[in-house]
Amino acid sequence: MRRPRTLEQIAAYRQTVRTLYEEGMSLRMISEQVGKTRQAIQQLLVRMGVPRSEEHTSELQSRGLIS
């Protein structure tokens, strides 16, 4: 997916990411779908106020990145 250029494209991109995440798609799969890194997707979700999934929180805890 190309970098969004208009406000409408940005809104559609954000909605796509949010919808895929809320439907249970993993960050890896979303990143492959939209052509961004997992870190970029996670940062976008945080900025949009979407809470982390339980699975993602568990993964970060197992890596010792959060407590």
C-alpha atoms as a PDB file:
ATOM      1  CA  MET A   1       0.000   0.000   0.000  1.00  0.00           C
ATOM      2  CA  ARG A   2       1.369   3.426  -0.934  1.00  0.00           C
ATOM      3  CA  ARG A   3       1.822   6.113   1.683  1.00  0.00           C
ATOM      4  CA  PRO A   4      -1.514   7.931   2.154  1.00  0.00           C
ATOM      5  CA  ARG A   5      -1.506  11.468   0.762  1.00  0.00           C
ATOM      6  CA  THR A   6      -4.919  12.997   1.405  1.00  0.00           C
ATOM      7  CA  LEU A   7      -6.890  13.244   4.632  1.00  0.00           C
ATOM      8  CA  GLU A   8      -9.432  10.828   3.178  1.00  0.00           C
ATOM      9  CA  GLN A   9      -6.691   8.301   2.380  1.00  0.00           C
ATOM     10  CA  ILE A  10      -5.199   8.668   5.862  1.00  0.00           C
ATOM     11  CA  ALA A  11      -8.616   8.138   7.465  1.00  0.00           C
ATOM     12  CA  ALA A  12      -9.253   5.060   5.298  1.00  0.00           C
ATOM     13  CA  TYR A  13      -5.800   3.644   6.154  1.00  0.00           C
ATOM     14  CA  ARG A  14      -6.364   4.141   9.881  1.00  0.00           C
ATOM     15  CA  GLN A  15      -9.816   2.581   9.696  1.00  0.00           C
ATOM     16  CA  THR A  16      -8.456  -0.403   7.769  1.00  0.00           C
ATOM     17  CA  VAL A  17      -5.735  -1.008  10.363  1.00  0.00           C
ATOM     18  CA  ARG A  18      -8.165  -0.624  13.260  1.00  0.00           C
ATOM     19  CA  THR A  19     -10.752  -2.938  11.689  1.00  0.00           C
ATOM     20  CA  LEU A  20      -8.209  -5.657  10.907  1.00  0.00           C
ATOM     21  CA  TYR A  21      -6.836  -5.462  14.458  1.00  0.00           C
ATOM     22  CA  GLU A  22     -10.279  -5.544  16.077  1.00  0.00           C
ATOM     23  CA  GLU A  23     -11.208  -8.555  13.934  1.00  0.00           C
ATOM     24  CA  GLY A  24      -8.300 -10.407  15.525  1.00  0.00           C
ATOM     25  CA  MET A  25      -5.660 -10.179  12.804  1.00  0.00           C
ATOM     26  CA  SER A  26      -2.135 -10.274  14.196  1.00  0.00           C
ATOM     27  CA  LEU A  27       0.210  -7.303  13.944  1.00  0.00           C
ATOM     28  CA  ARG A  28       2.418  -9.344  11.611  1.00  0.00           C
ATOM     29  CA  MET A  29      -0.450 -10.053   9.241  1.00  0.00           C
ATOM     30  CA  ILE A  30      -1.639  -6.436   9.305  1.00  0.00           C
ATOM     31  CA  SER A  31       1.877  -5.208   8.596  1.00  0.00           C
ATOM     32  CA  GLU A  32       2.122  -7.532   5.585  1.00  0.00           C
ATOM     33  CA  GLN A  33      -1.334  -6.439   4.387  1.00  0.00           C
ATOM     34  CA  VAL A  34      -0.638  -2.687   4.500  1.00  0.00           C
ATOM     35  CA  GLY A  35       3.118  -2.696   3.854  1.00  0.00           C
ATOM     36  CA  LYS A  36       4.275  -1.235   7.176  1.00  0.00           C
ATOM     37  CA  THR A  37       6.394  -2.642  10.011  1.00  0.00           C
ATOM     38  CA  ARG A  38       4.763  -4.217  13.052  1.00  0.00           C
ATOM     39  CA  GLN A  39       6.230  -1.439  15.161  1.00  0.00           C
ATOM     40  CA  ALA A  40       4.630   1.228  12.927  1.00  0.00           C
ATOM     41  CA  ILE A  41       1.260  -0.532  13.155  1.00  0.00           C
ATOM     42  CA  GLN A  42       1.500  -0.790  16.956  1.00  0.00           C
ATOM     43  CA  GLN A  43       2.455   2.882  17.261  1.00  0.00           C
ATOM     44  CA  LEU A  44      -0.514   3.866  15.106  1.00  0.00           C
ATOM     45  CA  LEU A  45      -2.883   1.767  17.231  1.00  0.00           C
ATOM     46  CA  VAL A  46      -1.518   3.356  20.427  1.00  0.00           C
ATOM     47  CA  ARG A  47      -1.938   6.856  18.968  1.00  0.00           C
ATOM     48  CA  MET A  48      -5.520   5.958  18.041  1.00  0.00           C
ATOM     49  CA  GLY A  49      -6.174   4.774  21.605  1.00  0.00           C
ATOM     50  CA  VAL A  50      -6.729   1.120  20.725  1.00  0.00           C
ATOM     51  CA  PRO A  51      -5.742  -1.087  23.691  1.00  0.00           C
ATOM     52  CA  ARG A  52      -3.231  -3.881  23.167  1.00  0.00           C
ATOM     53  CA  SER A  53      -4.608  -7.343  22.778  1.00  0.00           C
ATOM     54  CA  GLU A  54      -4.045  -9.813  25.595  1.00  0.00           C
ATOM     55  CA  GLU A  55      -1.837 -11.869  23.259  1.00  0.00           C
ATOM     56  CA  HIS A  56       0.374  -8.887  22.434  1.00  0.00           C
ATOM     57  CA  THR A  57       0.665  -7.905  26.105  1.00  0.00           C
ATOM     58  CA  SER A  58       1.699 -11.485  26.981  1.00  0.00           C
ATOM     59  CA  GLU A  59       4.319 -11.445  24.219  1.00  0.00           C
ATOM     60  CA  LEU A  60       5.832  -8.193  25.504  1.00  0.00           C
ATOM     61  CA  GLN A  61       5.836  -9.514  29.081  1.00  0.00           C
ATOM     62  CA  SER A  62       7.601 -12.716  28.045  1.00  0.00           C
ATOM     63  CA  ARG A  63      10.316 -10.644  26.377  1.00  0.00           C
ATOM     64  CA  GLY A  64      10.720  -8.584  29.529  1.00  0.00           C
ATOM     65  CA  LEU A  65       9.776  -5.376  27.708  1.00  0.00           C
ATOM     66  CA  ILE A  66       6.921  -4.574  30.092  1.00  0.00           C
ATOM     67  CA  SER A  67       6.022  -5.828  33.551  1.00  0.00           C
END
